[in-house]
N, C-alpha and C. Protein backbone atom coordinates (compact mmCIF):
# COMPACT_ATOMS: atom_id res chain seq x y z
N MET A 1 -45.84 -4.73 -7.81
CA MET A 1 -45.40 -5.71 -6.89
C MET A 1 -44.64 -6.79 -7.59
N LYS A 2 -45.03 -7.25 -8.78
CA LYS A 2 -44.26 -8.25 -9.54
C LYS A 2 -42.90 -7.70 -9.97
N THR A 3 -42.82 -6.40 -10.30
CA THR A 3 -41.56 -5.81 -10.77
C THR A 3 -40.63 -5.84 -9.53
N LEU A 4 -41.08 -5.39 -8.34
CA LEU A 4 -40.29 -5.49 -7.17
C LEU A 4 -39.72 -6.85 -6.82
N LEU A 5 -40.55 -7.91 -6.87
CA LEU A 5 -40.17 -9.19 -6.65
C LEU A 5 -39.10 -9.73 -7.74
N LEU A 6 -39.29 -9.35 -8.95
CA LEU A 6 -38.35 -9.70 -9.99
C LEU A 6 -37.02 -9.01 -9.87
N ALA A 7 -37.02 -7.72 -9.43
CA ALA A 7 -35.70 -7.06 -9.17
C ALA A 7 -35.05 -7.66 -7.94
N THR A 8 -35.85 -8.06 -6.98
CA THR A 8 -35.06 -8.58 -5.79
C THR A 8 -34.54 -9.98 -6.07
N ALA A 9 -35.30 -10.74 -7.01
CA ALA A 9 -34.83 -12.08 -7.37
C ALA A 9 -33.41 -11.92 -8.25
N LEU A 10 -33.43 -10.91 -9.13
CA LEU A 10 -32.22 -10.73 -9.94
C LEU A 10 -31.01 -10.32 -9.09
N ALA A 11 -31.34 -9.39 -8.12
CA ALA A 11 -30.26 -8.95 -7.20
C ALA A 11 -29.60 -10.20 -6.45
N PHE A 12 -30.47 -11.20 -6.04
CA PHE A 12 -29.83 -12.23 -5.29
C PHE A 12 -29.22 -13.25 -6.17
N ALA A 13 -29.67 -13.32 -7.42
CA ALA A 13 -29.23 -14.24 -8.49
C ALA A 13 -27.76 -13.94 -8.82
N GLN A 14 -27.43 -12.60 -8.80
CA GLN A 14 -26.06 -12.20 -9.26
C GLN A 14 -25.02 -12.56 -8.11
N ASN A 15 -23.93 -12.92 -8.53
CA ASN A 15 -22.85 -13.24 -7.55
C ASN A 15 -22.19 -11.92 -6.95
N PRO A 16 -22.27 -11.50 -5.67
CA PRO A 16 -21.56 -10.30 -5.24
C PRO A 16 -19.99 -10.43 -5.50
N VAL A 17 -19.41 -9.36 -5.87
CA VAL A 17 -17.98 -9.33 -5.94
C VAL A 17 -17.48 -8.95 -4.71
N ASP A 18 -16.81 -9.84 -4.15
CA ASP A 18 -16.09 -9.59 -2.73
C ASP A 18 -14.67 -9.42 -2.94
N ALA A 19 -14.14 -8.43 -2.29
CA ALA A 19 -12.66 -8.31 -2.36
C ALA A 19 -11.93 -9.58 -1.77
N PRO A 20 -10.88 -9.94 -2.51
CA PRO A 20 -10.03 -11.07 -1.93
C PRO A 20 -9.52 -10.83 -0.60
N VAL A 21 -9.13 -11.94 -0.04
CA VAL A 21 -8.60 -11.79 1.37
C VAL A 21 -7.07 -12.05 1.29
N ILE A 22 -6.38 -11.19 2.07
CA ILE A 22 -4.79 -11.37 2.01
C ILE A 22 -4.48 -12.69 2.79
N ARG A 23 -3.78 -13.54 2.17
CA ARG A 23 -3.50 -14.89 2.79
C ARG A 23 -2.07 -14.80 3.34
N SER A 24 -1.16 -13.99 2.69
CA SER A 24 0.17 -13.86 3.28
C SER A 24 0.81 -12.55 2.71
N ILE A 25 1.75 -12.08 3.42
CA ILE A 25 2.55 -10.92 3.13
C ILE A 25 3.99 -11.23 3.27
N LYS A 26 4.76 -10.91 2.31
CA LYS A 26 6.30 -11.28 2.32
C LYS A 26 6.92 -9.88 2.15
N TYR A 27 8.09 -9.83 2.90
CA TYR A 27 9.03 -8.66 2.80
C TYR A 27 10.37 -9.11 2.36
N GLU A 28 10.73 -8.89 1.19
CA GLU A 28 12.07 -9.34 0.65
C GLU A 28 13.05 -8.16 0.57
N GLY A 29 14.26 -8.36 0.86
CA GLY A 29 15.22 -7.40 0.65
C GLY A 29 15.31 -6.25 1.70
N PHE A 30 14.67 -6.49 2.91
CA PHE A 30 14.51 -5.38 3.96
C PHE A 30 15.65 -5.73 4.89
N LYS A 31 17.02 -5.82 4.46
CA LYS A 31 18.06 -5.97 5.37
C LYS A 31 18.30 -4.82 6.23
N GLY A 32 18.63 -5.12 7.52
CA GLY A 32 18.84 -3.97 8.44
C GLY A 32 17.67 -3.28 9.09
N VAL A 33 16.33 -3.92 8.64
CA VAL A 33 15.15 -3.36 9.17
C VAL A 33 14.34 -4.46 9.82
N SER A 34 14.09 -4.42 11.09
CA SER A 34 13.35 -5.44 11.72
C SER A 34 11.92 -5.53 11.31
N MET A 35 11.24 -6.68 11.43
CA MET A 35 9.76 -6.78 11.25
C MET A 35 8.99 -5.98 12.22
N ASP A 36 9.63 -5.87 13.36
CA ASP A 36 8.86 -4.93 14.44
C ASP A 36 8.80 -3.57 13.93
N ASP A 37 9.93 -3.05 13.39
CA ASP A 37 9.99 -1.70 12.82
C ASP A 37 8.95 -1.51 11.68
N VAL A 38 8.84 -2.50 10.88
CA VAL A 38 8.00 -2.41 9.66
C VAL A 38 6.58 -2.46 10.14
N MET A 39 6.24 -3.38 11.07
CA MET A 39 4.84 -3.44 11.56
C MET A 39 4.36 -2.20 12.39
N SER A 40 5.35 -1.70 13.21
CA SER A 40 4.97 -0.51 14.03
C SER A 40 4.86 0.65 13.03
N ARG A 41 5.61 0.91 12.04
CA ARG A 41 5.58 1.96 11.15
C ARG A 41 4.24 1.88 10.44
N LEU A 42 3.82 0.73 9.91
CA LEU A 42 2.55 0.65 9.23
C LEU A 42 1.34 0.83 10.24
N ARG A 43 1.45 0.34 11.38
CA ARG A 43 0.36 0.54 12.36
C ARG A 43 0.27 2.02 12.75
N ASP A 44 1.36 2.69 12.92
CA ASP A 44 1.31 4.08 13.28
C ASP A 44 0.74 4.95 12.26
N ARG A 45 1.02 4.58 10.95
CA ARG A 45 0.44 5.36 9.84
C ARG A 45 -0.95 4.93 9.47
N GLY A 46 -1.56 3.99 10.23
CA GLY A 46 -2.97 3.55 10.04
C GLY A 46 -3.07 2.79 8.69
N VAL A 47 -1.96 2.11 8.26
CA VAL A 47 -2.06 1.33 7.07
C VAL A 47 -2.81 -0.05 7.47
N ARG A 48 -3.78 -0.41 6.75
CA ARG A 48 -4.43 -1.77 7.03
C ARG A 48 -4.06 -2.70 5.94
N VAL A 49 -2.84 -3.24 6.10
CA VAL A 49 -2.45 -4.38 5.20
C VAL A 49 -1.96 -5.46 6.18
N ALA A 50 -2.79 -6.48 6.37
CA ALA A 50 -2.50 -7.54 7.28
C ALA A 50 -3.12 -8.77 6.79
N VAL A 51 -2.56 -9.98 7.17
CA VAL A 51 -3.02 -11.29 6.88
C VAL A 51 -4.53 -11.30 7.39
N GLU A 52 -5.35 -11.96 6.48
CA GLU A 52 -6.72 -12.25 6.86
C GLU A 52 -7.63 -11.07 6.80
N GLN A 53 -7.11 -9.95 6.28
CA GLN A 53 -7.81 -8.69 5.93
C GLN A 53 -8.16 -8.72 4.52
N MET A 54 -9.17 -7.91 4.16
CA MET A 54 -9.71 -7.72 2.82
C MET A 54 -8.52 -6.97 2.08
N TYR A 55 -8.25 -7.40 0.89
CA TYR A 55 -7.25 -6.78 0.06
C TYR A 55 -7.83 -5.38 -0.61
N ASP A 56 -7.07 -4.32 -0.32
CA ASP A 56 -7.47 -3.04 -0.85
C ASP A 56 -6.14 -2.53 -1.61
N PRO A 57 -6.32 -2.37 -2.96
CA PRO A 57 -5.05 -1.87 -3.66
C PRO A 57 -4.46 -0.55 -3.18
N ALA A 58 -5.50 0.34 -2.66
CA ALA A 58 -5.01 1.72 -2.22
C ALA A 58 -4.16 1.49 -0.98
N GLN A 59 -4.60 0.55 -0.13
CA GLN A 59 -3.76 0.39 1.14
C GLN A 59 -2.42 -0.31 0.85
N VAL A 60 -2.35 -1.14 -0.12
CA VAL A 60 -1.12 -1.73 -0.52
C VAL A 60 -0.18 -0.70 -1.11
N ASP A 61 -0.68 0.27 -1.90
CA ASP A 61 0.14 1.27 -2.39
C ASP A 61 0.51 2.32 -1.22
N THR A 62 -0.31 2.55 -0.33
CA THR A 62 0.08 3.37 0.88
C THR A 62 1.20 2.70 1.62
N ALA A 63 1.08 1.38 1.76
CA ALA A 63 2.19 0.61 2.51
C ALA A 63 3.37 0.66 1.87
N ARG A 64 3.48 0.61 0.51
CA ARG A 64 4.63 0.64 -0.19
C ARG A 64 5.34 2.03 0.06
N THR A 65 4.62 3.08 0.03
CA THR A 65 5.02 4.48 0.25
C THR A 65 5.71 4.58 1.64
N VAL A 66 5.02 4.06 2.68
CA VAL A 66 5.45 4.08 4.03
C VAL A 66 6.66 3.29 4.23
N LEU A 67 6.73 2.19 3.55
CA LEU A 67 7.99 1.28 3.61
C LEU A 67 9.25 2.00 2.96
N GLN A 68 8.93 2.63 1.83
CA GLN A 68 10.00 3.42 1.11
C GLN A 68 10.52 4.59 2.09
N GLU A 69 9.62 5.26 2.79
CA GLU A 69 10.07 6.27 3.76
C GLU A 69 10.92 5.56 4.83
N LEU A 70 10.40 4.48 5.34
CA LEU A 70 11.15 3.80 6.46
C LEU A 70 12.63 3.45 5.97
N LEU A 71 12.75 2.93 4.76
CA LEU A 71 14.07 2.51 4.40
C LEU A 71 14.92 3.72 4.20
N THR A 72 14.40 4.83 3.71
CA THR A 72 15.14 5.97 3.52
C THR A 72 15.59 6.60 4.89
N LYS A 73 14.73 6.55 5.91
CA LYS A 73 14.98 6.89 7.21
C LYS A 73 16.21 6.06 7.82
N LYS A 74 16.21 4.74 7.45
CA LYS A 74 17.32 3.82 7.96
C LYS A 74 18.53 3.90 7.07
N SER A 75 18.69 5.00 6.32
CA SER A 75 19.87 5.18 5.51
C SER A 75 20.01 4.23 4.44
N ARG A 76 18.92 3.65 3.81
CA ARG A 76 19.02 2.77 2.71
C ARG A 76 18.66 3.52 1.43
N LYS A 77 19.30 4.51 1.20
CA LYS A 77 19.13 5.30 0.02
C LYS A 77 19.46 4.54 -1.23
N GLY A 78 18.75 4.82 -2.36
CA GLY A 78 19.00 4.19 -3.66
C GLY A 78 18.18 2.84 -3.75
N VAL A 79 17.36 2.58 -2.74
CA VAL A 79 16.53 1.42 -2.67
C VAL A 79 15.14 1.79 -3.08
N GLU A 80 14.50 0.97 -3.89
CA GLU A 80 13.12 1.30 -4.27
C GLU A 80 12.19 0.08 -3.70
N VAL A 81 11.07 0.39 -3.12
CA VAL A 81 10.22 -0.59 -2.65
C VAL A 81 9.04 -0.86 -3.79
N THR A 82 8.96 -2.08 -4.23
CA THR A 82 7.95 -2.39 -5.20
C THR A 82 6.90 -3.35 -4.43
N SER A 83 5.72 -3.41 -5.00
CA SER A 83 4.69 -4.31 -4.40
C SER A 83 4.23 -5.28 -5.59
N MET A 84 4.02 -6.43 -5.23
CA MET A 84 3.46 -7.41 -6.29
C MET A 84 2.27 -8.20 -5.63
N VAL A 85 1.23 -8.37 -6.24
CA VAL A 85 0.08 -9.09 -5.70
C VAL A 85 -0.20 -10.32 -6.61
N LYS A 86 -0.23 -11.39 -5.97
CA LYS A 86 -0.47 -12.71 -6.71
C LYS A 86 -1.72 -13.28 -6.28
N ARG A 87 -2.64 -13.53 -7.25
CA ARG A 87 -3.94 -14.16 -6.96
C ARG A 87 -3.85 -15.56 -6.55
N ILE A 88 -4.58 -15.91 -5.59
CA ILE A 88 -4.60 -17.36 -5.13
C ILE A 88 -6.10 -17.70 -5.14
N PRO A 89 -6.48 -18.55 -6.13
CA PRO A 89 -7.96 -18.81 -6.28
C PRO A 89 -8.35 -19.69 -5.06
N PRO A 90 -9.67 -19.47 -4.69
CA PRO A 90 -10.68 -18.80 -5.39
C PRO A 90 -10.79 -17.30 -5.09
N ALA A 91 -10.45 -16.87 -3.86
CA ALA A 91 -10.59 -15.49 -3.51
C ALA A 91 -9.63 -15.03 -2.53
N SER A 92 -8.33 -15.18 -2.83
CA SER A 92 -7.25 -14.82 -1.95
C SER A 92 -6.12 -14.15 -2.79
N VAL A 93 -5.25 -13.39 -2.01
CA VAL A 93 -4.01 -12.87 -2.63
C VAL A 93 -2.82 -13.02 -1.73
N GLU A 94 -1.70 -12.96 -2.31
CA GLU A 94 -0.40 -12.97 -1.65
C GLU A 94 0.26 -11.61 -1.93
N VAL A 95 0.62 -10.91 -1.09
CA VAL A 95 1.21 -9.49 -1.35
C VAL A 95 2.73 -9.62 -0.91
N THR A 96 3.59 -9.11 -1.90
CA THR A 96 5.09 -9.20 -1.62
C THR A 96 5.46 -7.73 -1.76
N PHE A 97 6.27 -7.25 -0.85
CA PHE A 97 6.97 -6.08 -0.85
C PHE A 97 8.34 -6.36 -1.04
N GLU A 98 9.03 -5.67 -2.00
CA GLU A 98 10.43 -6.01 -2.27
C GLU A 98 11.34 -4.72 -2.30
N ALA A 99 12.37 -4.76 -1.59
CA ALA A 99 13.40 -3.57 -1.59
C ALA A 99 14.45 -3.95 -2.56
N VAL A 100 14.56 -3.22 -3.70
CA VAL A 100 15.54 -3.43 -4.67
C VAL A 100 16.33 -2.19 -4.93
N LYS A 101 17.67 -2.34 -5.25
CA LYS A 101 18.48 -1.22 -5.62
C LYS A 101 18.06 -0.61 -6.99
N LYS A 102 18.10 0.70 -7.05
CA LYS A 102 17.59 1.35 -8.33
C LYS A 102 18.70 1.21 -9.36
C-alpha cells in the first residue's frame, strides 16, 4: 500500500509535458492564392493546423506538403513551401509557412 501511495505521489509531483498551443499562423509569399483556398484545402485534407489548437509537428509537415501541392496546382511551379515554428514562452508557438522560389 505504501508503494502505491509513493508511486501516485511521484506521478503527481512530475510536471506533465503538454504540447504547446498554436497562437498564430502566418502565410508568406502566397501571391495569387486566397486564404479561402488555403483554408479550404487544409480542411478538405483533414489537416489540423489552426490557432488555439495543440501543436503537432506531423500536422505542420502535412500542411506544408498540402500547401506545396496547392501552389503547384495554381501554376506556381519552382516555388517551395517551408515551415518554421517559433516558440513563444511559456507554452505556445507561432507557425509560419513561406513560399519561396527555388
